[in-house]
Amino acid sequence: MIERIDTATRMSKTVKHNGVAYLCGQVGEGDTVAEQTRDCLALVDALLEKAGSSKSQILQAIIWLADMKDFAEMNEVWDAWVPEGEAPARACGEARLARDTLKVEIIVTAAY
């Protein structure tokens, strides 16, 4: 069975299937990549909770940065957020994001 959470015309914020929750990409507010990353991860936490999961159950994270020069700053926030010993498989790359003000987008897949 497929369960869709917060579904709109274009997408669902979360899709659950077979013990896995797939979250849509999350972006945050703020002027710096650190601020946007913190805000984005708070949104991820809220979506995971709504799906019956948590950051300790993340299987994979895909992170897009508008500029790879922000990699270290984003990682400082990420490293403080990820539970010790429970880091997911992760990829990070540079991409043009949906708005010029966006610096980071994070896509998460988690068990529930």
N, C-alpha and C. Protein backbone atom coordinates (compact mmCIF):
# COMPACT_ATOMS: atom_id res chain seq x y z
N MET A 1 0.83 -1.17 0.00
CA MET A 1 0.00 0.00 0.00
C MET A 1 0.88 1.25 0.00
N ILE A 2 0.49 2.23 -0.76
CA ILE A 2 1.19 3.52 -0.83
C ILE A 2 0.37 4.54 -0.06
N GLU A 3 1.04 5.27 0.84
CA GLU A 3 0.39 6.34 1.60
C GLU A 3 1.06 7.65 1.24
N ARG A 4 0.26 8.62 0.82
CA ARG A 4 0.77 9.94 0.47
C ARG A 4 0.36 10.93 1.55
N ILE A 5 1.30 11.75 1.99
CA ILE A 5 1.05 12.72 3.06
C ILE A 5 1.23 14.12 2.49
N ASP A 6 0.27 14.99 2.82
CA ASP A 6 0.30 16.39 2.35
C ASP A 6 0.45 16.45 0.83
N THR A 7 -0.53 15.85 0.16
CA THR A 7 -0.51 15.78 -1.30
C THR A 7 -1.19 17.00 -1.91
N ALA A 8 -0.54 17.57 -2.90
CA ALA A 8 -1.08 18.68 -3.68
C ALA A 8 -1.10 18.24 -5.14
N THR A 9 -1.42 19.14 -6.03
CA THR A 9 -1.48 18.82 -7.45
C THR A 9 -0.15 18.33 -7.98
N ARG A 10 0.93 19.01 -7.60
CA ARG A 10 2.24 18.72 -8.18
C ARG A 10 2.98 17.59 -7.48
N MET A 11 2.84 17.50 -6.16
CA MET A 11 3.64 16.51 -5.43
C MET A 11 3.08 16.29 -4.03
N SER A 12 3.58 15.24 -3.41
CA SER A 12 3.31 14.97 -1.99
C SER A 12 4.57 15.34 -1.22
N LYS A 13 4.39 15.80 0.02
CA LYS A 13 5.57 16.10 0.83
C LYS A 13 6.27 14.82 1.26
N THR A 14 5.48 13.75 1.47
CA THR A 14 6.04 12.45 1.84
C THR A 14 5.23 11.35 1.18
N VAL A 15 5.91 10.32 0.73
CA VAL A 15 5.25 9.12 0.22
C VAL A 15 5.84 7.94 0.99
N LYS A 16 4.95 7.14 1.58
CA LYS A 16 5.37 5.97 2.36
C LYS A 16 4.98 4.70 1.62
N HIS A 17 5.93 3.76 1.59
CA HIS A 17 5.66 2.48 0.94
C HIS A 17 6.62 1.43 1.47
N ASN A 18 6.09 0.30 1.87
CA ASN A 18 6.92 -0.84 2.24
C ASN A 18 7.98 -0.52 3.29
N GLY A 19 7.63 0.27 4.30
CA GLY A 19 8.56 0.58 5.37
C GLY A 19 9.54 1.69 5.08
N VAL A 20 9.37 2.38 3.93
CA VAL A 20 10.27 3.45 3.56
C VAL A 20 9.47 4.73 3.33
N ALA A 21 9.97 5.84 3.87
CA ALA A 21 9.36 7.16 3.67
C ALA A 21 10.27 7.97 2.76
N TYR A 22 9.70 8.49 1.69
CA TYR A 22 10.41 9.30 0.71
C TYR A 22 9.95 10.74 0.89
N LEU A 23 10.86 11.63 1.27
CA LEU A 23 10.51 13.03 1.48
C LEU A 23 10.83 13.84 0.24
N CYS A 24 9.98 14.82 -0.03
CA CYS A 24 10.29 15.75 -1.13
C CYS A 24 11.48 16.62 -0.69
N GLY A 25 12.12 17.25 -1.64
CA GLY A 25 13.25 18.11 -1.33
C GLY A 25 12.84 19.25 -0.43
N GLN A 26 13.69 19.55 0.55
CA GLN A 26 13.41 20.62 1.51
C GLN A 26 14.43 21.74 1.35
N VAL A 27 13.94 22.95 1.39
CA VAL A 27 14.78 24.14 1.37
C VAL A 27 14.43 24.98 2.59
N GLY A 28 15.35 25.84 2.99
CA GLY A 28 15.12 26.65 4.19
C GLY A 28 15.25 28.13 3.92
N GLU A 29 14.94 28.89 4.96
CA GLU A 29 15.05 30.35 4.91
C GLU A 29 16.36 30.77 5.54
N GLY A 30 16.81 31.96 5.19
CA GLY A 30 18.02 32.52 5.78
C GLY A 30 18.94 33.10 4.74
N ASP A 31 19.90 33.89 5.21
CA ASP A 31 20.84 34.54 4.30
C ASP A 31 22.08 33.70 4.01
N THR A 32 22.44 32.82 4.95
CA THR A 32 23.65 32.01 4.78
C THR A 32 23.28 30.55 4.55
N VAL A 33 24.24 29.79 4.06
CA VAL A 33 23.98 28.36 3.87
C VAL A 33 23.75 27.67 5.21
N ALA A 34 24.41 28.14 6.27
CA ALA A 34 24.22 27.54 7.60
C ALA A 34 22.78 27.78 8.07
N GLU A 35 22.29 29.01 7.93
CA GLU A 35 20.91 29.31 8.33
C GLU A 35 19.91 28.48 7.53
N GLN A 36 20.11 28.43 6.22
CA GLN A 36 19.19 27.66 5.37
C GLN A 36 19.27 26.17 5.70
N THR A 37 20.45 25.66 5.98
CA THR A 37 20.60 24.23 6.31
C THR A 37 19.88 23.92 7.62
N ARG A 38 20.07 24.75 8.65
CA ARG A 38 19.38 24.53 9.92
C ARG A 38 17.86 24.53 9.74
N ASP A 39 17.35 25.50 8.98
CA ASP A 39 15.91 25.59 8.75
C ASP A 39 15.41 24.38 7.96
N CYS A 40 16.16 24.01 6.96
CA CYS A 40 15.82 22.86 6.12
C CYS A 40 15.77 21.58 6.95
N LEU A 41 16.74 21.37 7.83
CA LEU A 41 16.78 20.17 8.65
C LEU A 41 15.65 20.15 9.68
N ALA A 42 15.22 21.32 10.14
CA ALA A 42 14.05 21.38 11.03
C ALA A 42 12.81 20.93 10.28
N LEU A 43 12.70 21.29 9.01
CA LEU A 43 11.57 20.84 8.18
C LEU A 43 11.64 19.33 7.95
N VAL A 44 12.84 18.82 7.73
CA VAL A 44 13.03 17.37 7.57
C VAL A 44 12.59 16.66 8.85
N ASP A 45 13.01 17.16 10.01
CA ASP A 45 12.60 16.57 11.29
C ASP A 45 11.08 16.50 11.40
N ALA A 46 10.40 17.58 11.04
CA ALA A 46 8.94 17.63 11.14
C ALA A 46 8.28 16.63 10.19
N LEU A 47 8.79 16.52 8.97
CA LEU A 47 8.22 15.57 8.01
C LEU A 47 8.47 14.14 8.46
N LEU A 48 9.67 13.87 8.98
CA LEU A 48 9.96 12.52 9.46
C LEU A 48 9.04 12.14 10.62
N GLU A 49 8.83 13.06 11.54
CA GLU A 49 7.94 12.79 12.66
C GLU A 49 6.52 12.50 12.18
N LYS A 50 6.05 13.28 11.22
CA LYS A 50 4.71 13.07 10.67
C LYS A 50 4.59 11.71 9.98
N ALA A 51 5.72 11.23 9.45
CA ALA A 51 5.74 9.93 8.76
C ALA A 51 5.97 8.77 9.72
N GLY A 52 6.16 9.07 11.01
CA GLY A 52 6.43 8.01 11.98
C GLY A 52 7.88 7.56 11.96
N SER A 53 8.77 8.47 11.60
CA SER A 53 10.19 8.15 11.50
C SER A 53 10.99 9.20 12.28
N SER A 54 12.30 9.16 12.12
CA SER A 54 13.17 10.15 12.78
C SER A 54 14.51 10.19 12.05
N LYS A 55 15.33 11.17 12.42
CA LYS A 55 16.63 11.30 11.75
C LYS A 55 17.54 10.10 12.01
N SER A 56 17.29 9.35 13.06
CA SER A 56 18.09 8.15 13.31
C SER A 56 17.73 7.01 12.37
N GLN A 57 16.66 7.18 11.60
CA GLN A 57 16.22 6.14 10.66
C GLN A 57 16.45 6.52 9.20
N ILE A 58 17.18 7.61 8.97
CA ILE A 58 17.45 8.02 7.59
C ILE A 58 18.35 7.00 6.91
N LEU A 59 17.94 6.59 5.74
CA LEU A 59 18.71 5.64 4.94
C LEU A 59 19.66 6.37 3.99
N GLN A 60 19.15 7.44 3.37
CA GLN A 60 19.93 8.15 2.36
C GLN A 60 19.55 9.62 2.37
N ALA A 61 20.55 10.47 2.14
CA ALA A 61 20.31 11.90 1.96
C ALA A 61 21.05 12.35 0.71
N ILE A 62 20.37 13.17 -0.06
CA ILE A 62 20.97 13.79 -1.24
C ILE A 62 20.92 15.29 -0.99
N ILE A 63 22.07 15.93 -1.06
CA ILE A 63 22.17 17.35 -0.78
C ILE A 63 22.64 18.08 -2.03
N TRP A 64 21.90 19.11 -2.40
CA TRP A 64 22.28 19.96 -3.52
C TRP A 64 22.68 21.32 -2.96
N LEU A 65 23.84 21.79 -3.35
CA LEU A 65 24.31 23.13 -3.00
C LEU A 65 24.34 23.99 -4.26
N ALA A 66 23.94 25.23 -4.13
CA ALA A 66 24.01 26.15 -5.27
C ALA A 66 25.47 26.43 -5.62
N ASP A 67 26.35 26.33 -4.63
CA ASP A 67 27.77 26.58 -4.84
C ASP A 67 28.58 25.68 -3.90
N MET A 68 29.43 24.85 -4.45
CA MET A 68 30.22 23.92 -3.63
C MET A 68 31.16 24.62 -2.67
N LYS A 69 31.38 25.92 -2.82
CA LYS A 69 32.21 26.64 -1.86
C LYS A 69 31.55 26.66 -0.48
N ASP A 70 30.24 26.37 -0.43
CA ASP A 70 29.50 26.32 0.83
C ASP A 70 29.53 24.94 1.49
N PHE A 71 30.27 24.00 0.93
CA PHE A 71 30.29 22.62 1.41
C PHE A 71 30.67 22.51 2.89
N ALA A 72 31.76 23.15 3.29
CA ALA A 72 32.22 23.05 4.68
C ALA A 72 31.23 23.68 5.65
N GLU A 73 30.66 24.83 5.30
CA GLU A 73 29.69 25.50 6.17
C GLU A 73 28.42 24.66 6.33
N MET A 74 27.95 24.07 5.25
CA MET A 74 26.78 23.19 5.33
C MET A 74 27.10 21.97 6.19
N ASN A 75 28.28 21.40 6.00
CA ASN A 75 28.67 20.20 6.75
C ASN A 75 28.76 20.45 8.26
N GLU A 76 29.13 21.64 8.68
CA GLU A 76 29.16 21.95 10.11
C GLU A 76 27.78 21.78 10.73
N VAL A 77 26.77 22.27 10.04
CA VAL A 77 25.38 22.15 10.53
C VAL A 77 24.93 20.71 10.44
N TRP A 78 25.19 20.07 9.31
CA TRP A 78 24.80 18.68 9.10
C TRP A 78 25.41 17.77 10.16
N ASP A 79 26.72 17.91 10.39
CA ASP A 79 27.41 17.04 11.35
C ASP A 79 26.86 17.19 12.77
N ALA A 80 26.45 18.39 13.13
CA ALA A 80 25.87 18.62 14.46
C ALA A 80 24.46 18.03 14.57
N TRP A 81 23.78 17.87 13.44
CA TRP A 81 22.39 17.39 13.41
C TRP A 81 22.29 15.87 13.36
N VAL A 82 23.18 15.21 12.63
CA VAL A 82 23.11 13.76 12.45
C VAL A 82 23.49 13.06 13.75
N PRO A 83 22.66 12.10 14.20
CA PRO A 83 22.99 11.37 15.42
C PRO A 83 24.31 10.59 15.26
N GLU A 84 25.14 10.66 16.28
CA GLU A 84 26.43 9.98 16.23
C GLU A 84 26.25 8.49 15.97
N GLY A 85 26.99 7.97 15.02
CA GLY A 85 26.95 6.56 14.68
C GLY A 85 25.78 6.16 13.79
N GLU A 86 24.96 7.14 13.38
CA GLU A 86 23.77 6.82 12.57
C GLU A 86 23.73 7.63 11.27
N ALA A 87 24.89 7.99 10.76
CA ALA A 87 24.95 8.76 9.52
C ALA A 87 24.41 7.93 8.36
N PRO A 88 23.56 8.52 7.53
CA PRO A 88 23.02 7.80 6.38
C PRO A 88 24.01 7.77 5.22
N ALA A 89 23.70 6.98 4.21
CA ALA A 89 24.41 7.09 2.94
C ALA A 89 24.09 8.49 2.42
N ARG A 90 25.08 9.16 1.81
CA ARG A 90 24.85 10.56 1.44
C ARG A 90 25.61 10.92 0.18
N ALA A 91 25.00 11.78 -0.61
CA ALA A 91 25.66 12.38 -1.77
C ALA A 91 25.46 13.88 -1.68
N CYS A 92 26.42 14.63 -2.20
CA CYS A 92 26.31 16.08 -2.22
C CYS A 92 26.88 16.58 -3.53
N GLY A 93 26.14 17.44 -4.20
CA GLY A 93 26.61 17.99 -5.46
C GLY A 93 26.14 19.42 -5.63
N GLU A 94 26.62 20.02 -6.69
CA GLU A 94 26.24 21.39 -7.00
C GLU A 94 25.15 21.38 -8.06
N ALA A 95 24.15 22.23 -7.88
CA ALA A 95 23.05 22.31 -8.83
C ALA A 95 22.44 23.70 -8.81
N ARG A 96 21.86 24.07 -9.91
CA ARG A 96 21.08 25.31 -9.94
C ARG A 96 19.75 25.02 -9.27
N LEU A 97 19.43 25.75 -8.20
CA LEU A 97 18.22 25.49 -7.44
C LEU A 97 17.07 26.34 -7.98
N ALA A 98 15.86 26.10 -7.47
CA ALA A 98 14.64 26.68 -8.04
C ALA A 98 14.58 28.21 -7.96
N ARG A 99 15.20 28.79 -6.94
CA ARG A 99 15.23 30.26 -6.80
C ARG A 99 16.67 30.69 -6.55
N ASP A 100 17.02 31.87 -7.02
CA ASP A 100 18.38 32.38 -6.87
C ASP A 100 18.81 32.55 -5.42
N THR A 101 17.86 32.74 -4.51
CA THR A 101 18.18 32.94 -3.10
C THR A 101 18.48 31.64 -2.37
N LEU A 102 18.12 30.51 -2.97
CA LEU A 102 18.34 29.22 -2.32
C LEU A 102 19.80 28.80 -2.42
N LYS A 103 20.32 28.28 -1.31
CA LYS A 103 21.71 27.83 -1.26
C LYS A 103 21.84 26.33 -1.06
N VAL A 104 20.78 25.68 -0.54
CA VAL A 104 20.85 24.25 -0.23
C VAL A 104 19.46 23.62 -0.35
N GLU A 105 19.42 22.39 -0.83
CA GLU A 105 18.20 21.57 -0.85
C GLU A 105 18.59 20.17 -0.41
N ILE A 106 17.77 19.59 0.46
CA ILE A 106 18.08 18.26 0.99
C ILE A 106 16.90 17.33 0.73
N ILE A 107 17.21 16.14 0.21
CA ILE A 107 16.22 15.12 -0.10
C ILE A 107 16.55 13.90 0.76
N VAL A 108 15.56 13.40 1.49
CA VAL A 108 15.80 12.33 2.46
C VAL A 108 14.89 11.14 2.20
N THR A 109 15.45 9.94 2.36
CA THR A 109 14.70 8.68 2.35
C THR A 109 14.97 8.01 3.69
N ALA A 110 13.91 7.56 4.37
CA ALA A 110 14.07 6.99 5.71
C ALA A 110 13.19 5.77 5.92
N ALA A 111 13.62 4.91 6.79
CA ALA A 111 12.77 3.80 7.23
C ALA A 111 11.76 4.35 8.24
N TYR A 112 10.64 3.63 8.41
CA TYR A 112 9.68 4.01 9.46
C TYR A 112 9.14 2.79 10.11
